[in-house]
Amino acid sequence: MKTVNIELDKSQFIRIINRLDDKDKLDIFNELKKSLFLKRFNKLLKSTRTSELSLDEITKEVESVRKNRYEKGKQIL
């Protein structure tokens, strides 16, 4: 298979994309989503990482919220 390299600026690339049919645009969109997901997920993990909370503190908070929701649910009946 022969390879050809071309250079496009962003606006040229967008014009080419706009000429594609919807199925091809969706295929490209899905590929972009896949390629960006891991980067975005890792960035989110880094931004939420903290040493201020322990697993025990998180577990206590979760149990407290569950208990409150359970008690509110019982009051409705």
C-alpha atoms as a PDB file:
ATOM      1  CA  MET A   1       0.000   0.000   0.000  1.00  0.00           C
ATOM      2  CA  LYS A   2       1.385   3.368  -1.011  1.00  0.00           C
ATOM      3  CA  THR A   3       1.317   6.241   1.472  1.00  0.00           C
ATOM      4  CA  VAL A   4       0.764   9.885   0.608  1.00  0.00           C
ATOM      5  CA  ASN A   5       1.388  12.711   3.055  1.00  0.00           C
ATOM      6  CA  ILE A   6      -0.446  15.999   2.725  1.00  0.00           C
ATOM      7  CA  GLU A   7      -0.470  19.096   4.875  1.00  0.00           C
ATOM      8  CA  LEU A   8      -3.746  20.762   5.777  1.00  0.00           C
ATOM      9  CA  ASP A   9      -4.462  23.602   8.080  1.00  0.00           C
ATOM     10  CA  LYS A  10      -7.403  23.360  10.449  1.00  0.00           C
ATOM     11  CA  SER A  11      -9.857  25.223   8.224  1.00  0.00           C
ATOM     12  CA  GLN A  12      -8.998  23.038   5.215  1.00  0.00           C
ATOM     13  CA  PHE A  13      -9.483  19.939   7.316  1.00  0.00           C
ATOM     14  CA  ILE A  14     -12.882  21.168   8.549  1.00  0.00           C
ATOM     15  CA  ARG A  15     -14.004  21.929   4.987  1.00  0.00           C
ATOM     16  CA  ILE A  16     -13.119  18.365   3.981  1.00  0.00           C
ATOM     17  CA  ILE A  17     -14.979  16.944   6.973  1.00  0.00           C
ATOM     18  CA  ASN A  18     -18.042  19.034   6.126  1.00  0.00           C
ATOM     19  CA  ARG A  19     -18.185  17.465   2.678  1.00  0.00           C
ATOM     20  CA  LEU A  20     -18.522  13.944   4.104  1.00  0.00           C
ATOM     21  CA  ASP A  21     -21.830  12.203   4.528  1.00  0.00           C
ATOM     22  CA  ASP A  22     -23.307  11.796   7.995  1.00  0.00           C
ATOM     23  CA  LYS A  23     -22.152   8.199   8.434  1.00  0.00           C
ATOM     24  CA  ASP A  24     -18.529   9.090   7.723  1.00  0.00           C
ATOM     25  CA  LYS A  25     -18.746  12.101  10.038  1.00  0.00           C
ATOM     26  CA  LEU A  26     -20.116   9.869  12.777  1.00  0.00           C
ATOM     27  CA  ASP A  27     -17.314   7.345  12.221  1.00  0.00           C
ATOM     28  CA  ILE A  28     -14.725  10.115  12.582  1.00  0.00           C
ATOM     29  CA  PHE A  29     -16.504  11.481  15.644  1.00  0.00           C
ATOM     30  CA  ASN A  30     -16.459   8.074  17.320  1.00  0.00           C
ATOM     31  CA  GLU A  31     -12.766   7.607  16.582  1.00  0.00           C
ATOM     32  CA  LEU A  32     -11.993  11.018  18.063  1.00  0.00           C
ATOM     33  CA  LYS A  33     -14.071  10.220  21.124  1.00  0.00           C
ATOM     34  CA  LYS A  34     -12.152   6.985  21.677  1.00  0.00           C
ATOM     35  CA  SER A  35      -8.785   8.633  21.255  1.00  0.00           C
ATOM     36  CA  LEU A  36      -9.604  11.486  23.630  1.00  0.00           C
ATOM     37  CA  PHE A  37     -11.398   9.490  26.312  1.00  0.00           C
ATOM     38  CA  LEU A  38      -8.291   8.127  28.035  1.00  0.00           C
ATOM     39  CA  LYS A  39      -6.597  11.531  28.084  1.00  0.00           C
ATOM     40  CA  ARG A  40      -9.684  13.216  29.526  1.00  0.00           C
ATOM     41  CA  PHE A  41     -10.200  10.435  32.071  1.00  0.00           C
ATOM     42  CA  ASN A  42      -6.592  10.617  33.288  1.00  0.00           C
ATOM     43  CA  LYS A  43      -6.848  14.388  33.570  1.00  0.00           C
ATOM     44  CA  LEU A  44      -9.986  13.985  35.684  1.00  0.00           C
ATOM     45  CA  LEU A  45      -8.277  11.443  37.939  1.00  0.00           C
ATOM     46  CA  LYS A  46      -5.323  13.759  38.485  1.00  0.00           C
ATOM     47  CA  SER A  47      -7.565  16.705  39.287  1.00  0.00           C
ATOM     48  CA  THR A  48      -9.587  14.772  41.881  1.00  0.00           C
ATOM     49  CA  ARG A  49      -6.703  12.963  43.587  1.00  0.00           C
ATOM     50  CA  THR A  50      -6.311  14.038  47.195  1.00  0.00           C
ATOM     51  CA  SER A  51      -4.537  12.902  50.324  1.00  0.00           C
ATOM     52  CA  GLU A  52      -6.988  14.779  52.536  1.00  0.00           C
ATOM     53  CA  LEU A  53      -9.520  11.936  52.682  1.00  0.00           C
ATOM     54  CA  SER A  54      -8.961   8.384  53.776  1.00  0.00           C
ATOM     55  CA  LEU A  55     -10.935   5.403  52.540  1.00  0.00           C
ATOM     56  CA  ASP A  56     -12.383   5.052  56.039  1.00  0.00           C
ATOM     57  CA  GLU A  57     -13.679   8.656  55.986  1.00  0.00           C
ATOM     58  CA  ILE A  58     -15.225   8.156  52.557  1.00  0.00           C
ATOM     59  CA  THR A  59     -16.896   4.926  53.702  1.00  0.00           C
ATOM     60  CA  LYS A  60     -18.344   6.639  56.785  1.00  0.00           C
ATOM     61  CA  GLU A  61     -19.764   9.452  54.651  1.00  0.00           C
ATOM     62  CA  VAL A  62     -21.295   7.019  52.153  1.00  0.00           C
ATOM     63  CA  GLU A  63     -22.920   5.043  54.963  1.00  0.00           C
ATOM     64  CA  SER A  64     -24.290   8.251  56.492  1.00  0.00           C
ATOM     65  CA  VAL A  65     -25.848   9.330  53.206  1.00  0.00           C
ATOM     66  CA  ARG A  66     -27.323   5.863  52.649  1.00  0.00           C
ATOM     67  CA  LYS A  67     -28.808   5.863  56.163  1.00  0.00           C
ATOM     68  CA  ASN A  68     -30.370   9.313  55.638  1.00  0.00           C
ATOM     69  CA  ARG A  69     -31.862   8.285  52.305  1.00  0.00           C
ATOM     70  CA  TYR A  70     -33.199   5.073  53.813  1.00  0.00           C
ATOM     71  CA  GLU A  71     -34.810   6.985  56.699  1.00  0.00           C
ATOM     72  CA  LYS A  72     -36.404   9.499  54.315  1.00  0.00           C
ATOM     73  CA  GLY A  73     -37.741   6.628  52.225  1.00  0.00           C
ATOM     74  CA  LYS A  74     -39.339   5.017  55.263  1.00  0.00           C
ATOM     75  CA  GLN A  75     -41.125   8.265  56.163  1.00  0.00           C
ATOM     76  CA  ILE A  76     -42.908   8.424  52.804  1.00  0.00           C
ATOM     77  CA  LEU A  77     -44.685   5.115  53.453  1.00  0.00           C
END
